[in-house]
């Protein structure tokens, strides 16, 4: 892990630096960043705004605020209305990504939210982004049973421009056994071989074309297994840059599977990365009882 410290954002310079991190992380213009005055107001009124600093420079930040919602899983009854922490945004400078900054920021956010006597943190991410899936689902132990079509409409940043902004909303039950196990690393990562050995089927195995790109399979049939694997591209942004039609096909394909699965009581409970040429990525979906998180 690279050398950096986590602390709250406090000064105007801190919040200005958070604007700069947003511009760099999302290749964004002024219209699509959360401005200083909003970040500062959230931080001073019960929200959580934390930064990762390396030699005095802000290299990443996370911020969120108090929210409410109906939650399908949890220690109490299903669909109970509860207070939660809504984690709106986490941004990391490109040169600091994949160096443990995001994981450290989420751990610090967890401790801050626990200090507010809250048990649930939710946030959204693009389900086609495998690095985010690895952090959110595999490392942190969040689960997902909520899919939003084109949640933000058309965004103008470099990662989303001209593409439907479909999102997973994940639930991170920060005191659950699932999360404790993932964070203490008592659970070794399970491989694709493990799941295949356990007769967990891949319901939409991609074919690899002559360019080495994963191609969407034909539409799948009705869902019936207790659990199954769903494949999606391991490097979606590379496909989006070079083959936008294929990228859109993957968006619509994964959307169809997830909406149907969530409607029938399945949740995303794990992410599996299979290295190779090309690398492969999979979500594990399973039907859960409300108290399994």
Protein backbone atom coordinates (compact mmCIF):
# COMPACT_ATOMS: atom_id res chain seq x y z
CA UNK A 1 0.00 0.00 0.00
CA UNK A 2 1.29 3.46 -0.93
CA UNK A 3 2.09 5.98 1.80
CA UNK A 4 -0.86 8.25 2.55
CA UNK A 5 -2.97 9.42 5.49
CA UNK A 6 -6.75 9.65 5.89
CA UNK A 7 -8.33 12.63 7.65
CA UNK A 8 -11.49 14.77 7.34
CA UNK A 9 -11.60 17.57 4.77
CA UNK A 10 -11.44 20.78 6.82
CA UNK A 11 -10.15 23.82 4.96
CA UNK A 12 -11.24 25.65 1.83
CA UNK A 13 -8.06 24.41 0.19
CA UNK A 14 -9.08 20.83 1.02
CA UNK A 15 -12.46 21.29 -0.66
CA UNK A 16 -10.93 23.03 -3.70
CA UNK A 17 -8.56 20.10 -4.02
CA UNK A 18 -11.58 17.74 -3.95
CA UNK A 19 -12.97 19.62 -6.96
CA UNK A 20 -9.65 19.06 -8.76
CA UNK A 21 -9.67 15.35 -7.92
CA UNK A 22 -13.14 15.05 -9.46
CA UNK A 23 -12.02 16.71 -12.68
CA UNK A 24 -9.06 14.35 -13.00
CA UNK A 25 -10.83 11.15 -11.94
CA UNK A 26 -13.82 11.53 -14.25
CA UNK A 27 -12.24 13.66 -16.99
CA UNK A 28 -15.01 16.06 -16.09
CA UNK A 29 -15.92 19.68 -16.75
CA UNK A 30 -17.35 22.19 -14.30
CA UNK A 31 -20.96 21.10 -14.86
CA UNK A 32 -20.49 17.54 -13.59
CA UNK A 33 -18.51 18.06 -10.39
CA UNK A 34 -19.84 18.54 -6.87
CA UNK A 35 -18.74 22.11 -6.01
CA UNK A 36 -16.88 23.34 -2.97
CA UNK A 37 -19.92 24.95 -1.35
CA UNK A 38 -21.88 21.67 -1.49
CA UNK A 39 -18.98 19.56 -0.16
CA UNK A 40 -18.37 22.02 2.67
CA UNK A 41 -22.05 22.26 3.62
CA UNK A 42 -22.39 18.48 3.79
CA UNK A 43 -19.24 18.19 5.91
CA UNK A 44 -20.39 20.85 8.38
CA UNK A 45 -23.91 19.49 8.80
CA UNK A 46 -23.52 15.88 9.83
CA UNK A 47 -22.12 14.48 6.60
CA UNK A 48 -18.83 12.66 6.18
CA UNK A 49 -16.11 14.12 3.95
CA UNK A 50 -12.74 12.37 4.17
CA UNK A 51 -9.56 12.76 2.20
CA UNK A 52 -6.46 10.70 1.50
CA UNK A 53 -3.35 12.88 1.65
CA UNK A 54 0.13 12.03 0.39
CA UNK A 55 2.82 14.55 1.40
CA UNK A 56 0.13 17.16 1.90
CA UNK A 57 -1.56 16.58 -1.47
CA UNK A 58 -5.14 15.35 -1.68
CA UNK A 59 -5.05 12.20 -3.81
CA UNK A 60 -8.55 10.90 -3.10
CA UNK A 61 -11.72 11.68 -1.17
CA UNK A 62 -15.09 10.23 -0.22
CA UNK A 63 -18.20 12.07 0.95
CA UNK A 64 -21.79 11.33 1.86
CA UNK A 65 -24.73 12.36 4.02
CA UNK A 66 -27.68 11.07 6.04
CA UNK A 67 -30.47 9.44 4.08
CA UNK A 68 -33.50 7.19 4.44
CA UNK A 69 -34.89 4.32 2.42
CA UNK A 70 -36.66 0.99 2.36
CA UNK A 71 -34.17 -1.83 2.75
CA UNK A 72 -34.84 -5.40 1.80
CA UNK A 73 -32.13 -6.94 3.97
CA UNK A 74 -30.95 -6.35 7.48
CA UNK A 75 -31.12 -7.53 11.07
CA UNK A 76 -34.72 -6.41 11.44
CA UNK A 77 -37.77 -6.98 9.24
CA UNK A 78 -37.42 -6.78 5.44
CA UNK A 79 -38.37 -3.52 3.75
CA UNK A 80 -38.17 -1.57 7.02
CA UNK A 81 -37.66 2.17 6.61
CA UNK A 82 -34.35 3.11 8.22
CA UNK A 83 -31.79 5.82 8.45
CA UNK A 84 -28.65 5.20 6.47
CA UNK A 85 -25.54 6.94 5.20
CA UNK A 86 -25.76 7.78 1.50
CA UNK A 87 -22.20 7.71 0.13
CA UNK A 88 -22.49 9.97 -2.88
CA UNK A 89 -19.02 10.08 -4.33
CA UNK A 90 -15.50 8.72 -4.08
CA UNK A 91 -12.80 10.04 -6.38
CA UNK A 92 -9.12 9.17 -6.68
CA UNK A 93 -6.45 10.72 -8.88
CA UNK A 94 -5.68 8.40 -11.83
CA UNK A 95 -2.05 7.91 -10.78
CA UNK A 96 -3.20 6.84 -7.30
CA UNK A 97 -5.82 4.34 -8.39
CA UNK A 98 -5.25 0.62 -7.63
CA UNK A 99 -2.95 1.55 -4.73
CA UNK A 100 -5.32 0.89 -1.83
CA UNK A 101 -6.63 4.44 -1.51
CA UNK A 102 -10.26 3.59 -2.21
CA UNK A 103 -10.26 0.67 0.23
CA UNK A 104 -8.71 2.83 2.97
CA UNK A 105 -11.22 5.63 2.38
CA UNK A 106 -14.15 3.22 2.66
CA UNK A 107 -12.78 1.77 5.91
CA UNK A 108 -12.45 5.28 7.34
CA UNK A 109 -15.96 6.11 6.16
CA UNK A 110 -17.24 2.97 7.86
CA UNK A 111 -15.72 4.02 11.19
CA UNK A 112 -17.13 7.54 10.89
CA UNK A 113 -20.62 6.22 10.12
CA UNK A 114 -20.44 3.70 12.97
CA UNK A 115 -19.69 6.67 15.22
CA UNK A 116 -23.05 8.11 14.15
CA UNK A 117 -24.80 4.88 15.24
CA UNK A 118 -25.76 4.00 11.66
CA UNK A 119 -25.50 0.46 10.30
CA UNK A 120 -26.03 0.85 6.56
CA UNK A 121 -24.13 2.69 3.83
CA UNK A 122 -25.44 2.72 0.26
CA UNK A 123 -23.94 4.02 -2.96
CA UNK A 124 -24.17 3.51 -6.70
CA UNK A 125 -21.65 2.39 -9.29
CA UNK A 126 -21.61 1.30 -12.92
CA UNK A 127 -22.06 -2.51 -12.87
CA UNK A 128 -19.87 -2.83 -15.96
CA UNK A 129 -16.84 -1.39 -14.15
CA UNK A 130 -14.94 -4.45 -12.93
CA UNK A 131 -12.50 -2.56 -10.67
CA UNK A 132 -15.42 -1.02 -8.81
CA UNK A 133 -17.11 -4.42 -8.60
CA UNK A 134 -13.95 -5.90 -7.09
CA UNK A 135 -13.75 -3.19 -4.42
CA UNK A 136 -17.45 -2.89 -3.60
CA UNK A 137 -18.61 -6.50 -3.77
CA UNK A 138 -15.54 -8.67 -3.28
CA UNK A 139 -13.34 -6.66 -0.91
CA UNK A 140 -15.90 -4.65 1.07
CA UNK A 141 -18.67 -7.25 1.15
CA UNK A 142 -21.52 -5.08 -0.12
CA UNK A 143 -24.52 -6.76 -1.75
CA UNK A 144 -26.78 -5.53 -4.53
CA UNK A 145 -30.40 -6.13 -5.43
CA UNK A 146 -31.23 -2.73 -6.97
CA UNK A 147 -30.71 -1.75 -10.61
CA UNK A 148 -31.38 1.77 -11.93
CA UNK A 149 -31.73 2.43 -15.64
CA UNK A 150 -29.99 5.59 -16.88
CA UNK A 151 -30.01 6.98 -13.33
CA UNK A 152 -28.25 10.28 -14.04
CA UNK A 153 -29.33 10.79 -17.62
CA UNK A 154 -26.64 11.99 -19.99
CA UNK A 155 -23.41 12.91 -18.25
CA UNK A 156 -20.68 14.86 -20.02
CA UNK A 157 -17.58 13.45 -18.34
CA UNK A 158 -15.07 11.33 -20.20
CA UNK A 159 -16.13 8.04 -18.60
CA UNK A 160 -19.88 8.37 -19.26
CA UNK A 161 -20.39 10.73 -22.20
CA UNK A 162 -22.94 9.49 -24.72
CA UNK A 163 -23.79 6.32 -22.82
CA UNK A 164 -26.73 5.26 -20.59
CA UNK A 165 -25.83 5.77 -16.94
CA UNK A 166 -27.22 2.50 -15.56
CA UNK A 167 -26.17 1.86 -11.96
CA UNK A 168 -26.15 -0.74 -9.23
CA UNK A 169 -27.11 0.52 -5.79
CA UNK A 170 -25.19 -1.51 -3.22
CA UNK A 171 -26.05 -2.07 0.43
CA UNK A 172 -23.09 -2.17 2.82
CA UNK A 173 -24.26 -3.50 6.19
CA UNK A 174 -21.17 -2.35 8.02
CA UNK A 175 -21.56 -4.49 11.17
CA UNK A 176 -22.69 -7.69 9.43
CA UNK A 177 -20.81 -10.98 9.56
CA UNK A 178 -20.33 -10.80 5.80
CA UNK A 179 -18.55 -7.46 6.01
CA UNK A 180 -16.49 -8.38 9.07
CA UNK A 181 -15.28 -11.52 7.29
CA UNK A 182 -14.29 -9.67 4.13
CA UNK A 183 -12.53 -6.85 5.95
CA UNK A 184 -10.54 -9.09 8.29
CA UNK A 185 -9.49 -11.21 5.29
CA UNK A 186 -10.63 -14.38 7.04
CA UNK A 187 -12.28 -15.36 3.76
CA UNK A 188 -9.83 -16.16 0.96
CA UNK A 189 -11.03 -15.05 -2.48
CA UNK A 190 -12.87 -17.83 -4.29
CA UNK A 191 -11.96 -18.54 -7.89
CA UNK A 192 -14.05 -19.40 -10.91
CA UNK A 193 -12.78 -22.97 -10.63
CA UNK A 194 -14.28 -23.23 -7.13
CA UNK A 195 -17.73 -22.19 -8.31
CA UNK A 196 -17.67 -24.40 -11.38
CA UNK A 197 -16.62 -27.34 -9.21
CA UNK A 198 -19.62 -26.57 -6.99
CA UNK A 199 -21.82 -26.81 -10.12
CA UNK A 200 -22.54 -23.11 -10.29
CA UNK A 201 -23.46 -22.45 -13.92
CA UNK A 202 -22.46 -19.44 -15.99
CA UNK A 203 -25.79 -18.43 -17.49
CA UNK A 204 -24.35 -16.09 -20.16
CA UNK A 205 -20.82 -17.23 -21.00
CA UNK A 206 -19.33 -14.80 -23.54
CA UNK A 207 -17.60 -15.85 -26.74
CA UNK A 208 -14.26 -14.25 -27.61
CA UNK A 209 -14.04 -12.88 -31.14
CA UNK A 210 -11.00 -12.63 -33.41
CA UNK A 211 -10.01 -9.33 -31.80
CA UNK A 212 -9.99 -10.86 -28.32
CA UNK A 213 -13.17 -9.04 -27.28
CA UNK A 214 -16.00 -10.67 -25.30
CA UNK A 215 -19.25 -10.84 -27.27
CA UNK A 216 -22.68 -11.00 -25.61
CA UNK A 217 -24.37 -14.38 -25.84
CA UNK A 218 -27.93 -14.89 -27.05
CA UNK A 219 -30.74 -13.99 -24.63
CA UNK A 220 -30.90 -16.37 -21.69
CA UNK A 221 -33.85 -18.44 -20.58
CA UNK A 222 -35.85 -18.27 -17.34
CA UNK A 223 -33.85 -18.17 -14.11
CA UNK A 224 -34.30 -21.23 -11.93
CA UNK A 225 -31.06 -22.13 -10.11
CA UNK A 226 -30.48 -21.09 -6.51
CA UNK A 227 -27.31 -19.32 -7.63
CA UNK A 228 -25.48 -18.66 -10.89
CA UNK A 229 -22.63 -16.65 -12.43
CA UNK A 230 -23.14 -13.70 -14.79
CA UNK A 231 -20.26 -12.72 -17.07
CA UNK A 232 -19.46 -9.14 -18.10
CA UNK A 233 -16.37 -7.49 -19.67
CA UNK A 234 -13.27 -7.26 -17.48
CA UNK A 235 -12.22 -4.00 -19.23
CA UNK A 236 -15.41 -2.26 -20.24
CA UNK A 237 -13.83 1.16 -20.86
CA UNK A 238 -11.48 -0.32 -23.46
CA UNK A 239 -14.48 -1.74 -25.33
CA UNK A 240 -16.37 1.53 -24.99
CA UNK A 241 -13.47 3.48 -26.53
CA UNK A 242 -12.97 1.19 -29.52
CA UNK A 243 -16.28 -0.64 -30.07
CA UNK A 244 -19.16 1.54 -28.83
CA UNK A 245 -21.83 -0.70 -30.40
CA UNK A 246 -20.48 -3.72 -28.51
CA UNK A 247 -20.32 -1.65 -25.32
CA UNK A 248 -23.97 -0.69 -25.69
CA UNK A 249 -24.89 -4.32 -26.37
CA UNK A 250 -23.24 -5.30 -23.07
CA UNK A 251 -25.09 -2.52 -21.25
CA UNK A 252 -28.45 -3.76 -22.49
CA UNK A 253 -27.54 -7.43 -21.97
CA UNK A 254 -26.48 -6.99 -18.34
CA UNK A 255 -29.45 -4.70 -17.69
CA UNK A 256 -31.87 -7.38 -18.88
CA UNK A 257 -30.29 -10.11 -16.73
CA UNK A 258 -30.05 -8.01 -13.57
CA UNK A 259 -33.53 -6.55 -13.74
CA UNK A 260 -35.02 -10.01 -14.19
CA UNK A 261 -32.85 -11.56 -11.46
CA UNK A 262 -33.55 -8.84 -8.90
CA UNK A 263 -37.28 -9.06 -9.64
CA UNK A 264 -37.13 -12.77 -8.76
CA UNK A 265 -35.31 -12.29 -5.45
CA UNK A 266 -31.67 -12.73 -6.48
CA UNK A 267 -28.85 -10.54 -5.19
CA UNK A 268 -25.28 -9.98 -6.31
CA UNK A 269 -23.17 -11.38 -3.46
CA UNK A 270 -19.71 -11.82 -4.97
CA UNK A 271 -17.40 -10.82 -7.79
CA UNK A 272 -14.88 -13.15 -9.43
CA UNK A 273 -11.96 -12.04 -11.59
CA UNK A 274 -10.29 -14.64 -13.76
CA UNK A 275 -6.89 -13.52 -15.13
CA UNK A 276 -5.93 -14.53 -18.62
CA UNK A 277 -5.83 -13.30 -22.16
CA UNK A 278 -8.42 -11.96 -22.15
CA UNK A 279 -9.28 -11.63 -18.46
CA UNK A 280 -12.87 -12.53 -17.48
CA UNK A 281 -15.22 -11.04 -14.88
CA UNK A 282 -18.30 -12.54 -13.23
CA UNK A 283 -20.97 -11.63 -10.71
CA UNK A 284 -22.30 -14.35 -8.41
CA UNK A 285 -26.05 -14.07 -7.91
CA UNK A 286 -27.96 -15.97 -5.27
CA UNK A 287 -31.37 -15.95 -3.64
CA UNK A 288 -31.00 -14.73 -0.04
CA UNK A 289 -33.11 -14.62 3.05
CA UNK A 290 -33.32 -11.12 4.52
CA UNK A 291 -31.00 -11.92 7.43
CA UNK A 292 -28.15 -13.42 5.39
CA UNK A 293 -26.16 -10.22 5.04
